[in-house]
Amino acid sequence: GARAVLEYQVFYRRRYAEAAFASCQGVRLPATGGYAIATMCGRYGAQLCTAQRWLDFQGDKNNGLAPLQIDFRLLPDGAEPG
């Protein structure tokens, strides 16, 4: 039978995830002047968004954008996936 990937896990170092999130946090949408992160963090909006919440929304197959479920796991710096 045919096989397909329906979900996968991604392991990021917490430092990397926090830096990626910080680089997006201050970006504003020219059309509205609002923060882009507000639309990229689901129900949390810009005020309550964190790196983990941002990644969780990006990987949620129900957000209308993700092609499949992605489970982002943030590792302490120096740790390896278990």
N, C-alpha and C. Protein backbone atom coordinates (compact mmCIF):
# COMPACT_ATOMS: atom_id res chain seq x y z
N GLY A 1 0.82 -1.18 0.00
CA GLY A 1 0.00 0.00 0.00
C GLY A 1 0.87 1.26 0.00
N ALA A 2 0.26 2.34 -0.38
CA ALA A 2 0.94 3.64 -0.40
C ALA A 2 1.17 4.14 1.02
N ARG A 3 2.28 4.82 1.20
CA ARG A 3 2.60 5.41 2.51
C ARG A 3 2.77 6.91 2.34
N ALA A 4 2.44 7.62 3.39
CA ALA A 4 2.57 9.08 3.37
C ALA A 4 2.95 9.58 4.75
N VAL A 5 3.68 10.66 4.81
CA VAL A 5 4.00 11.31 6.08
C VAL A 5 2.84 12.22 6.43
N LEU A 6 2.28 12.03 7.61
CA LEU A 6 1.16 12.85 8.06
C LEU A 6 1.55 13.80 9.18
N GLU A 7 2.65 13.48 9.86
CA GLU A 7 3.10 14.30 10.97
C GLU A 7 4.58 14.01 11.20
N TYR A 8 5.31 15.02 11.65
CA TYR A 8 6.70 14.77 12.02
C TYR A 8 7.15 15.71 13.13
N GLN A 9 8.25 15.35 13.76
CA GLN A 9 8.82 16.15 14.85
C GLN A 9 10.06 16.86 14.34
N VAL A 10 10.23 18.09 14.79
CA VAL A 10 11.42 18.89 14.48
C VAL A 10 12.04 19.29 15.81
N PHE A 11 13.35 19.07 15.95
CA PHE A 11 14.05 19.43 17.17
C PHE A 11 14.90 20.67 16.90
N TYR A 12 14.64 21.73 17.65
CA TYR A 12 15.41 22.97 17.55
C TYR A 12 16.09 23.23 18.89
N ARG A 13 17.24 23.83 18.85
CA ARG A 13 17.84 24.34 20.07
C ARG A 13 17.01 25.56 20.50
N ARG A 14 16.77 25.67 21.79
CA ARG A 14 15.98 26.79 22.29
C ARG A 14 16.58 28.14 21.86
N ARG A 15 17.90 28.25 21.90
CA ARG A 15 18.57 29.50 21.51
C ARG A 15 18.24 29.86 20.06
N TYR A 16 18.25 28.87 19.18
CA TYR A 16 17.93 29.11 17.77
C TYR A 16 16.47 29.55 17.61
N ALA A 17 15.56 28.85 18.27
CA ALA A 17 14.14 29.19 18.17
C ALA A 17 13.87 30.59 18.70
N GLU A 18 14.48 30.93 19.83
CA GLU A 18 14.29 32.27 20.42
C GLU A 18 14.85 33.36 19.51
N ALA A 19 15.99 33.10 18.87
CA ALA A 19 16.59 34.08 17.96
C ALA A 19 15.73 34.27 16.71
N ALA A 20 15.20 33.16 16.18
CA ALA A 20 14.33 33.25 15.00
C ALA A 20 13.06 34.03 15.34
N PHE A 21 12.48 33.74 16.49
CA PHE A 21 11.29 34.44 16.94
C PHE A 21 11.57 35.93 17.13
N ALA A 22 12.68 36.26 17.77
CA ALA A 22 13.05 37.66 18.01
C ALA A 22 13.24 38.42 16.70
N SER A 23 13.75 37.74 15.68
CA SER A 23 13.98 38.42 14.40
C SER A 23 12.67 38.77 13.70
N CYS A 24 11.59 38.07 14.04
CA CYS A 24 10.29 38.33 13.42
C CYS A 24 9.40 39.23 14.28
N GLN A 25 9.70 39.30 15.55
CA GLN A 25 8.81 39.93 16.52
C GLN A 25 8.48 41.40 16.21
N GLY A 26 9.44 42.16 15.71
CA GLY A 26 9.20 43.58 15.47
C GLY A 26 8.76 43.93 14.07
N VAL A 27 8.56 42.93 13.21
CA VAL A 27 8.17 43.19 11.81
C VAL A 27 6.72 43.63 11.75
N ARG A 28 6.48 44.73 11.03
CA ARG A 28 5.10 45.24 10.88
C ARG A 28 4.60 45.02 9.46
N LEU A 29 3.30 44.82 9.33
CA LEU A 29 2.67 44.66 8.02
C LEU A 29 2.39 46.04 7.44
N PRO A 30 2.91 46.35 6.26
CA PRO A 30 2.70 47.68 5.68
C PRO A 30 1.23 48.04 5.50
N ALA A 31 0.41 47.07 5.16
CA ALA A 31 -1.01 47.35 4.89
C ALA A 31 -1.77 47.80 6.13
N THR A 32 -1.40 47.26 7.29
CA THR A 32 -2.16 47.56 8.50
C THR A 32 -1.35 48.30 9.56
N GLY A 33 -0.04 48.19 9.49
CA GLY A 33 0.81 48.77 10.52
C GLY A 33 0.91 47.90 11.76
N GLY A 34 0.14 46.80 11.79
CA GLY A 34 0.18 45.88 12.93
C GLY A 34 1.37 44.94 12.82
N TYR A 35 1.64 44.23 13.89
CA TYR A 35 2.76 43.30 13.90
C TYR A 35 2.40 42.02 13.14
N ALA A 36 3.31 41.58 12.30
CA ALA A 36 3.11 40.35 11.53
C ALA A 36 2.96 39.15 12.46
N ILE A 37 3.67 39.17 13.57
CA ILE A 37 3.64 38.04 14.51
C ILE A 37 2.23 37.81 15.05
N ALA A 38 1.40 38.85 15.08
CA ALA A 38 0.03 38.70 15.57
C ALA A 38 -0.76 37.71 14.73
N THR A 39 -0.48 37.65 13.44
CA THR A 39 -1.18 36.71 12.56
C THR A 39 -0.48 35.36 12.49
N MET A 40 0.69 35.27 13.09
CA MET A 40 1.49 34.05 13.02
C MET A 40 1.53 33.29 14.35
N CYS A 41 0.69 33.70 15.29
CA CYS A 41 0.72 33.07 16.62
C CYS A 41 -0.66 32.63 17.07
N GLY A 42 -1.61 32.59 16.14
CA GLY A 42 -2.95 32.11 16.47
C GLY A 42 -3.63 32.94 17.53
N ARG A 43 -4.27 32.26 18.46
CA ARG A 43 -5.08 32.93 19.48
C ARG A 43 -4.28 33.79 20.44
N TYR A 44 -2.97 33.61 20.48
CA TYR A 44 -2.15 34.37 21.43
C TYR A 44 -1.86 35.79 20.96
N GLY A 45 -1.93 36.04 19.66
CA GLY A 45 -1.65 37.37 19.15
C GLY A 45 -0.22 37.80 19.44
N ALA A 46 0.07 39.06 19.21
CA ALA A 46 1.43 39.57 19.37
C ALA A 46 1.83 39.69 20.85
N GLN A 47 0.89 40.03 21.69
CA GLN A 47 1.21 40.30 23.10
C GLN A 47 1.65 39.06 23.87
N LEU A 48 0.99 37.95 23.64
CA LEU A 48 1.24 36.73 24.42
C LEU A 48 2.06 35.70 23.66
N CYS A 49 2.53 36.05 22.49
CA CYS A 49 3.27 35.10 21.66
C CYS A 49 4.65 34.82 22.26
N THR A 50 5.07 33.57 22.18
CA THR A 50 6.42 33.15 22.57
C THR A 50 6.99 32.32 21.43
N ALA A 51 8.25 32.00 21.50
CA ALA A 51 8.85 31.17 20.45
C ALA A 51 8.11 29.85 20.31
N GLN A 52 7.79 29.19 21.42
CA GLN A 52 7.10 27.90 21.35
C GLN A 52 5.70 28.05 20.78
N ARG A 53 4.96 29.07 21.21
CA ARG A 53 3.60 29.28 20.70
C ARG A 53 3.62 29.62 19.22
N TRP A 54 4.61 30.39 18.79
CA TRP A 54 4.77 30.77 17.39
C TRP A 54 5.01 29.52 16.54
N LEU A 55 5.94 28.67 16.97
CA LEU A 55 6.23 27.44 16.24
C LEU A 55 5.04 26.49 16.26
N ASP A 56 4.37 26.38 17.40
CA ASP A 56 3.20 25.50 17.49
C ASP A 56 2.15 25.91 16.47
N PHE A 57 1.92 27.20 16.32
CA PHE A 57 0.93 27.67 15.35
C PHE A 57 1.40 27.38 13.92
N GLN A 58 2.68 27.60 13.65
CA GLN A 58 3.22 27.34 12.31
C GLN A 58 3.06 25.87 11.92
N GLY A 59 3.15 24.98 12.89
CA GLY A 59 3.07 23.55 12.62
C GLY A 59 1.69 22.95 12.78
N ASP A 60 0.69 23.78 13.04
CA ASP A 60 -0.68 23.27 13.26
C ASP A 60 -1.37 23.06 11.91
N LYS A 61 -1.69 21.83 11.59
CA LYS A 61 -2.32 21.53 10.29
C LYS A 61 -3.69 22.20 10.14
N ASN A 62 -4.25 22.68 11.23
CA ASN A 62 -5.56 23.35 11.18
C ASN A 62 -5.45 24.86 10.97
N ASN A 63 -4.23 25.38 10.76
CA ASN A 63 -4.08 26.83 10.59
C ASN A 63 -4.34 27.29 9.16
N GLY A 64 -4.60 26.36 8.27
CA GLY A 64 -4.88 26.71 6.88
C GLY A 64 -3.64 26.88 6.03
N LEU A 65 -2.47 26.73 6.61
CA LEU A 65 -1.21 26.93 5.88
C LEU A 65 -0.29 25.72 5.93
N ALA A 66 -0.18 25.07 7.07
CA ALA A 66 0.74 23.93 7.22
C ALA A 66 0.20 22.73 6.43
N PRO A 67 1.05 22.11 5.62
CA PRO A 67 0.59 20.98 4.80
C PRO A 67 0.39 19.70 5.62
N LEU A 68 0.99 19.63 6.80
CA LEU A 68 0.83 18.50 7.70
C LEU A 68 1.21 18.95 9.10
N GLN A 69 0.91 18.12 10.08
CA GLN A 69 1.19 18.47 11.47
C GLN A 69 2.69 18.41 11.73
N ILE A 70 3.24 19.47 12.32
CA ILE A 70 4.66 19.54 12.67
C ILE A 70 4.76 19.80 14.16
N ASP A 71 5.42 18.90 14.86
CA ASP A 71 5.59 19.01 16.31
C ASP A 71 6.99 19.56 16.58
N PHE A 72 7.06 20.84 16.94
CA PHE A 72 8.35 21.49 17.22
C PHE A 72 8.74 21.23 18.68
N ARG A 73 9.90 20.65 18.88
CA ARG A 73 10.43 20.38 20.22
C ARG A 73 11.65 21.25 20.44
N LEU A 74 11.61 22.09 21.47
CA LEU A 74 12.75 22.96 21.78
C LEU A 74 13.64 22.26 22.81
N LEU A 75 14.89 22.13 22.46
CA LEU A 75 15.87 21.47 23.34
C LEU A 75 16.69 22.49 24.09
N PRO A 76 17.03 22.21 25.34
CA PRO A 76 17.97 23.08 26.03
C PRO A 76 19.28 23.12 25.26
N ASP A 77 19.95 24.23 25.27
CA ASP A 77 21.20 24.36 24.54
C ASP A 77 22.18 23.28 25.00
N GLY A 78 22.77 22.57 24.06
CA GLY A 78 23.72 21.51 24.38
C GLY A 78 23.10 20.14 24.49
N ALA A 79 21.75 20.04 24.58
CA ALA A 79 21.09 18.74 24.69
C ALA A 79 20.91 18.12 23.30
N GLU A 80 20.76 16.83 23.28
CA GLU A 80 20.52 16.08 22.05
C GLU A 80 19.11 15.48 22.11
N PRO A 81 18.46 15.29 20.94
CA PRO A 81 17.14 14.64 20.94
C PRO A 81 17.22 13.26 21.57
N GLY A 82 16.23 12.90 22.36
CA GLY A 82 16.23 11.61 23.04
C GLY A 82 15.38 10.58 22.37
